[in-house]
C-alpha cells in the first residue's frame, strides 16, 4: 500500500476524530454531537434536491430531443456534496459545503471533468470483452425434445426427479 493511500485510509479518520475532540472541548460535547447529527438530514435533503433537478433537466432535454446540457455535472457535484455532508464528520461537512459553492464546482469540473468523462465512457475503466469484428458467434442450434420425461439415461432433462433439480421444499429428493 502506498504512502498516499495509507494517509487517506488511516490519516483521514484520525483527523476527523482529533477535530471532533478539539471542537467538543471548545463548544461542548452536546453541541458537537448535534452538529454531527444535523448533517445527516441536511445531506440527504441536498442529495434529494440534486437528484430531482438532474431528472428534471434530463426529462426536459429528452422532451426537446436534445442531449442534456452541462448542468448534469453540476447536479452530480451537488449530489456528491450532499453525500459528504450526510457522512458524520466535520471535515467531510466542510468539504460538502465548499462543493456547493459555484466557483468550487467550476474548478472541480474544469480539473476533473475530462477524467470523469473518460472513466465513465469505459464503464468504470473496464472495457467489455471483444470477440473480433463483431459480437455475434456463428453456430447451429440443434433442438432437442424430451419424449420420455423420467428416462434414466437423461438425468438432466426437465421432469427428471433425481438429484437437486427434483428436490422439494424440504431439500429432500423425491423418489421417481
C-alpha atoms as a PDB file:
ATOM      1  CA  UNK A   1       0.000   0.000   0.000  1.00  0.00           C
ATOM      2  CA  UNK A   2       1.454   3.358  -0.996  1.00  0.00           C
ATOM      3  CA  UNK A   3       2.113   6.130   1.489  1.00  0.00           C
ATOM      4  CA  UNK A   4      -0.595   8.309  -0.041  1.00  0.00           C
ATOM      5  CA  UNK A   5      -3.169   5.546   0.321  1.00  0.00           C
ATOM      6  CA  UNK A   6      -2.127   4.901   3.924  1.00  0.00           C
ATOM      7  CA  UNK A   7      -2.568   8.578   4.729  1.00  0.00           C
ATOM      8  CA  UNK A   8      -6.079   8.543   3.295  1.00  0.00           C
ATOM      9  CA  UNK A   9      -7.126   5.265   4.908  1.00  0.00           C
ATOM     10  CA  UNK A  10      -5.639   5.915   8.343  1.00  0.00           C
ATOM     11  CA  UNK A  11      -4.987   9.649   8.428  1.00  0.00           C
ATOM     12  CA  UNK A  12      -8.427  10.926   7.449  1.00  0.00           C
ATOM     13  CA  UNK A  13     -10.372   9.131  10.215  1.00  0.00           C
ATOM     14  CA  UNK A  14      -7.709  10.160  12.718  1.00  0.00           C
ATOM     15  CA  UNK A  15      -8.004  13.782  11.543  1.00  0.00           C
ATOM     16  CA  UNK A  16     -11.814  13.628  11.929  1.00  0.00           C
ATOM     17  CA  UNK A  17     -11.578  12.176  15.442  1.00  0.00           C
ATOM     18  CA  UNK A  18      -8.981  14.705  16.597  1.00  0.00           C
ATOM     19  CA  UNK A  19     -11.021  17.563  15.133  1.00  0.00           C
ATOM     20  CA  UNK A  20     -14.204  16.348  16.832  1.00  0.00           C
ATOM     21  CA  UNK A  21     -12.372  16.153  20.159  1.00  0.00           C
ATOM     22  CA  UNK A  22     -10.950  19.664  19.711  1.00  0.00           C
ATOM     23  CA  UNK A  23     -14.342  21.137  18.759  1.00  0.00           C
ATOM     24  CA  UNK A  24     -16.023  19.299  21.649  1.00  0.00           C
ATOM     25  CA  UNK A  25     -13.555  20.792  24.099  1.00  0.00           C
ATOM     26  CA  UNK A  26     -14.225  24.213  22.597  1.00  0.00           C
ATOM     27  CA  UNK A  27     -18.048  24.217  22.407  1.00  0.00           C
ATOM     28  CA  UNK A  28     -19.031  21.114  24.398  1.00  0.00           C
ATOM     29  CA  UNK A  29     -19.900  17.530  23.517  1.00  0.00           C
ATOM     30  CA  UNK A  30     -23.641  18.152  23.218  1.00  0.00           C
ATOM     31  CA  UNK A  31     -23.263  20.849  20.578  1.00  0.00           C
ATOM     32  CA  UNK A  32     -20.637  18.855  18.704  1.00  0.00           C
ATOM     33  CA  UNK A  33     -22.884  15.799  18.658  1.00  0.00           C
ATOM     34  CA  UNK A  34     -25.789  17.960  17.476  1.00  0.00           C
ATOM     35  CA  UNK A  35     -23.663  19.362  14.618  1.00  0.00           C
ATOM     36  CA  UNK A  36     -22.621  15.868  13.558  1.00  0.00           C
ATOM     37  CA  UNK A  37     -26.181  14.506  13.656  1.00  0.00           C
ATOM     38  CA  UNK A  38     -27.706  17.579  11.943  1.00  0.00           C
ATOM     39  CA  UNK A  39     -25.517  16.977   8.897  1.00  0.00           C
ATOM     40  CA  UNK A  40     -27.282  13.715   8.083  1.00  0.00           C
ATOM     41  CA  UNK A  41     -30.762  15.078   7.176  1.00  0.00           C
ATOM     42  CA  UNK A  42     -29.217  18.183   5.606  1.00  0.00           C
ATOM     43  CA  UNK A  43     -27.032  15.988   3.382  1.00  0.00           C
ATOM     44  CA  UNK A  44     -29.959  13.800   2.354  1.00  0.00           C
ATOM     45  CA  UNK A  45     -32.002  16.902   1.532  1.00  0.00           C
ATOM     46  CA  UNK A  46     -29.206  18.250  -0.687  1.00  0.00           C
ATOM     47  CA  UNK A  47     -28.881  14.856  -2.415  1.00  0.00           C
ATOM     48  CA  UNK A  48     -32.631  14.667  -2.951  1.00  0.00           C
ATOM     49  CA  UNK A  49     -32.808  18.141  -4.475  1.00  0.00           C
ATOM     50  CA  UNK A  50     -29.812  17.432  -6.727  1.00  0.00           C
ATOM     51  CA  UNK A  51     -31.380  14.176  -7.904  1.00  0.00           C
ATOM     52  CA  UNK A  52     -34.735  15.819  -8.628  1.00  0.00           C
ATOM     53  CA  UNK A  53     -33.006  18.634 -10.520  1.00  0.00           C
ATOM     54  CA  UNK A  54     -30.960  16.152 -12.560  1.00  0.00           C
ATOM     55  CA  UNK A  55     -34.047  14.156 -13.517  1.00  0.00           C
ATOM     56  CA  UNK A  56     -35.942  17.341 -14.383  1.00  0.00           C
ATOM     57  CA  UNK A  57     -33.159  18.569 -16.677  1.00  0.00           C
ATOM     58  CA  UNK A  58     -32.873  15.132 -18.305  1.00  0.00           C
ATOM     59  CA  UNK A  59     -36.637  14.969 -18.799  1.00  0.00           C
ATOM     60  CA  UNK A  60     -36.670  18.462 -20.312  1.00  0.00           C
ATOM     61  CA  UNK A  61     -33.786  17.638 -22.648  1.00  0.00           C
ATOM     62  CA  UNK A  62     -35.406  14.397 -23.804  1.00  0.00           C
ATOM     63  CA  UNK A  63     -38.711  16.197 -24.356  1.00  0.00           C
ATOM     64  CA  UNK A  64     -36.905  18.705 -26.581  1.00  0.00           C
ATOM     65  CA  UNK A  65     -34.997  15.901 -28.310  1.00  0.00           C
ATOM     66  CA  UNK A  66     -31.542  17.097 -27.295  1.00  0.00           C
ATOM     67  CA  UNK A  67     -28.663  15.941 -25.151  1.00  0.00           C
ATOM     68  CA  UNK A  68     -28.678  17.257 -21.550  1.00  0.00           C
ATOM     69  CA  UNK A  69     -26.504  20.337 -21.115  1.00  0.00           C
ATOM     70  CA  UNK A  70     -23.610  20.772 -18.680  1.00  0.00           C
ATOM     71  CA  UNK A  71     -25.960  21.081 -15.720  1.00  0.00           C
ATOM     72  CA  UNK A  72     -25.711  17.302 -15.275  1.00  0.00           C
ATOM     73  CA  UNK A  73     -22.197  17.814 -13.907  1.00  0.00           C
ATOM     74  CA  UNK A  74     -23.467  20.485 -11.535  1.00  0.00           C
ATOM     75  CA  UNK A  75     -26.196  18.164 -10.267  1.00  0.00           C
ATOM     76  CA  UNK A  76     -23.678  15.341  -9.819  1.00  0.00           C
ATOM     77  CA  UNK A  77     -21.372  17.602  -7.812  1.00  0.00           C
ATOM     78  CA  UNK A  78     -24.299  18.784  -5.702  1.00  0.00           C
ATOM     79  CA  UNK A  79     -25.234  15.154  -5.073  1.00  0.00           C
ATOM     80  CA  UNK A  80     -21.635  14.417  -4.039  1.00  0.00           C
ATOM     81  CA  UNK A  81     -21.698  17.470  -1.756  1.00  0.00           C
ATOM     82  CA  UNK A  82     -24.869  16.153  -0.112  1.00  0.00           C
ATOM     83  CA  UNK A  83     -23.261  12.753   0.391  1.00  0.00           C
ATOM     84  CA  UNK A  84     -20.238  14.388   2.026  1.00  0.00           C
ATOM     85  CA  UNK A  85     -22.482  16.406   4.324  1.00  0.00           C
ATOM     86  CA  UNK A  86     -24.529  13.317   5.232  1.00  0.00           C
ATOM     87  CA  UNK A  87     -21.423  11.426   6.358  1.00  0.00           C
ATOM     88  CA  UNK A  88     -20.831  12.276  10.013  1.00  0.00           C
ATOM     89  CA  UNK A  89     -17.622  14.260  10.301  1.00  0.00           C
ATOM     90  CA  UNK A  90     -16.639  17.897  10.455  1.00  0.00           C
ATOM     91  CA  UNK A  91     -14.111  17.834   7.591  1.00  0.00           C
ATOM     92  CA  UNK A  92     -16.492  15.951   5.292  1.00  0.00           C
ATOM     93  CA  UNK A  93     -19.203  18.507   6.144  1.00  0.00           C
ATOM     94  CA  UNK A  94     -16.810  21.334   5.308  1.00  0.00           C
ATOM     95  CA  UNK A  95     -15.823  19.672   2.003  1.00  0.00           C
ATOM     96  CA  UNK A  96     -19.511  19.171   1.125  1.00  0.00           C
ATOM     97  CA  UNK A  97     -20.397  22.777   1.944  1.00  0.00           C
ATOM     98  CA  UNK A  98     -17.475  24.053  -0.148  1.00  0.00           C
ATOM     99  CA  UNK A  99     -18.544  21.814  -3.028  1.00  0.00           C
ATOM    100  CA  UNK A 100     -21.946  23.519  -3.040  1.00  0.00           C
ATOM    101  CA  UNK A 101     -20.306  26.831  -3.984  1.00  0.00           C
ATOM    102  CA  UNK A 102     -20.444  27.624  -7.721  1.00  0.00           C
ATOM    103  CA  UNK A 103     -16.771  28.729  -8.067  1.00  0.00           C
ATOM    104  CA  UNK A 104     -15.587  25.494  -6.439  1.00  0.00           C
ATOM    105  CA  UNK A 105     -17.870  23.437  -8.697  1.00  0.00           C
ATOM    106  CA  UNK A 106     -16.446  25.172 -11.794  1.00  0.00           C
ATOM    107  CA  UNK A 107     -12.915  24.489 -10.581  1.00  0.00           C
ATOM    108  CA  UNK A 108     -13.650  20.810  -9.898  1.00  0.00           C
ATOM    109  CA  UNK A 109     -15.414  20.385 -13.265  1.00  0.00           C
ATOM    110  CA  UNK A 110     -12.511  22.009 -15.102  1.00  0.00           C
ATOM    111  CA  UNK A 111      -9.894  19.917 -13.308  1.00  0.00           C
ATOM    112  CA  UNK A 112     -11.616  16.520 -13.037  1.00  0.00           C
ATOM    113  CA  UNK A 113     -14.321  16.648 -15.721  1.00  0.00           C
ATOM    114  CA  UNK A 114     -12.218  15.098 -18.511  1.00  0.00           C
ATOM    115  CA  UNK A 115     -11.068  12.275 -16.202  1.00  0.00           C
ATOM    116  CA  UNK A 116     -14.602  11.501 -15.105  1.00  0.00           C
ATOM    117  CA  UNK A 117     -15.815  11.503 -18.705  1.00  0.00           C
ATOM    118  CA  UNK A 118     -13.021   9.145 -19.760  1.00  0.00           C
ATOM    119  CA  UNK A 119     -13.621   6.905 -16.745  1.00  0.00           C
ATOM    120  CA  UNK A 120     -17.371   6.630 -17.229  1.00  0.00           C
ATOM    121  CA  UNK A 121     -17.166   6.190 -21.002  1.00  0.00           C
ATOM    122  CA  UNK A 122     -15.239   2.944 -20.467  1.00  0.00           C
ATOM    123  CA  UNK A 123     -17.675   1.561 -17.878  1.00  0.00           C
ATOM    124  CA  UNK A 124     -15.632   2.397 -14.839  1.00  0.00           C
ATOM    125  CA  UNK A 125     -12.305   1.803 -16.533  1.00  0.00           C
ATOM    126  CA  UNK A 126     -13.232  -1.715 -17.644  1.00  0.00           C
ATOM    127  CA  UNK A 127     -13.749  -2.454 -21.296  1.00  0.00           C
ATOM    128  CA  UNK A 128     -16.183  -5.158 -22.402  1.00  0.00           C
ATOM    129  CA  UNK A 129     -14.635  -8.280 -23.943  1.00  0.00           C
ATOM    130  CA  UNK A 130     -14.239  -8.211 -27.696  1.00  0.00           C
ATOM    131  CA  UNK A 131     -14.929 -11.199 -29.924  1.00  0.00           C
ATOM    132  CA  UNK A 132     -13.243  -9.896 -33.060  1.00  0.00           C
ATOM    133  CA  UNK A 133     -15.023  -7.678 -35.522  1.00  0.00           C
ATOM    134  CA  UNK A 134     -18.470  -8.484 -34.188  1.00  0.00           C
ATOM    135  CA  UNK A 135     -20.096  -9.830 -31.048  1.00  0.00           C
ATOM    136  CA  UNK A 136     -22.013 -12.496 -32.979  1.00  0.00           C
ATOM    137  CA  UNK A 137     -20.890 -16.090 -32.548  1.00  0.00           C
ATOM    138  CA  UNK A 138     -21.917 -18.181 -35.535  1.00  0.00           C
ATOM    139  CA  UNK A 139     -23.194 -21.666 -34.870  1.00  0.00           C
ATOM    140  CA  UNK A 140     -26.013 -24.097 -35.333  1.00  0.00           C
ATOM    141  CA  UNK A 141     -28.812 -24.604 -32.842  1.00  0.00           C
ATOM    142  CA  UNK A 142     -29.902 -28.227 -32.516  1.00  0.00           C
ATOM    143  CA  UNK A 143     -33.337 -28.504 -30.930  1.00  0.00           C
ATOM    144  CA  UNK A 144     -33.879 -31.447 -28.596  1.00  0.00           C
ATOM    145  CA  UNK A 145     -37.142 -32.769 -27.310  1.00  0.00           C
ATOM    146  CA  UNK A 146     -37.672 -34.936 -24.289  1.00  0.00           C
ATOM    147  CA  UNK A 147     -40.008 -37.747 -25.322  1.00  0.00           C
ATOM    148  CA  UNK A 148     -39.781 -39.657 -22.021  1.00  0.00           C
ATOM    149  CA  UNK A 149     -39.819 -37.254 -19.051  1.00  0.00           C
ATOM    150  CA  UNK A 150     -38.203 -39.618 -16.495  1.00  0.00           C
ATOM    151  CA  UNK A 151     -35.866 -41.605 -18.722  1.00  0.00           C
ATOM    152  CA  UNK A 152     -32.937 -42.863 -16.568  1.00  0.00           C
ATOM    153  CA  UNK A 153     -30.342 -42.092 -19.271  1.00  0.00           C
ATOM    154  CA  UNK A 154     -31.268 -38.391 -19.321  1.00  0.00           C
ATOM    155  CA  UNK A 155     -30.924 -37.237 -15.690  1.00  0.00           C
ATOM    156  CA  UNK A 156     -30.513 -33.531 -16.520  1.00  0.00           C
ATOM    157  CA  UNK A 157     -33.647 -33.216 -18.607  1.00  0.00           C
ATOM    158  CA  UNK A 158     -36.736 -31.349 -17.322  1.00  0.00           C
ATOM    159  CA  UNK A 159     -39.163 -33.569 -15.483  1.00  0.00           C
ATOM    160  CA  UNK A 160     -36.490 -35.886 -14.080  1.00  0.00           C
ATOM    161  CA  UNK A 161     -36.850 -36.186 -10.307  1.00  0.00           C
ATOM    162  CA  UNK A 162     -33.412 -37.494  -9.283  1.00  0.00           C
ATOM    163  CA  UNK A 163     -30.858 -35.068  -7.878  1.00  0.00           C
ATOM    164  CA  UNK A 164     -31.092 -31.475  -6.689  1.00  0.00           C
ATOM    165  CA  UNK A 165     -33.346 -30.407  -9.568  1.00  0.00           C
ATOM    166  CA  UNK A 166     -36.057 -32.702  -8.221  1.00  0.00           C
ATOM    167  CA  UNK A 167     -35.615 -31.656  -4.596  1.00  0.00           C
ATOM    168  CA  UNK A 168     -38.703 -30.483  -2.777  1.00  0.00           C
ATOM    169  CA  UNK A 169     -39.088 -27.559  -0.345  1.00  0.00           C
ATOM    170  CA  UNK A 170     -37.576 -29.602   2.487  1.00  0.00           C
ATOM    171  CA  UNK A 171     -34.452 -30.278   0.408  1.00  0.00           C
ATOM    172  CA  UNK A 172     -35.199 -33.979   0.115  1.00  0.00           C
ATOM    173  CA  UNK A 173     -35.098 -35.522  -3.296  1.00  0.00           C
ATOM    174  CA  UNK A 174     -38.365 -37.120  -4.341  1.00  0.00           C
ATOM    175  CA  UNK A 175     -38.452 -40.753  -5.356  1.00  0.00           C
ATOM    176  CA  UNK A 176     -39.114 -41.206  -9.059  1.00  0.00           C
END
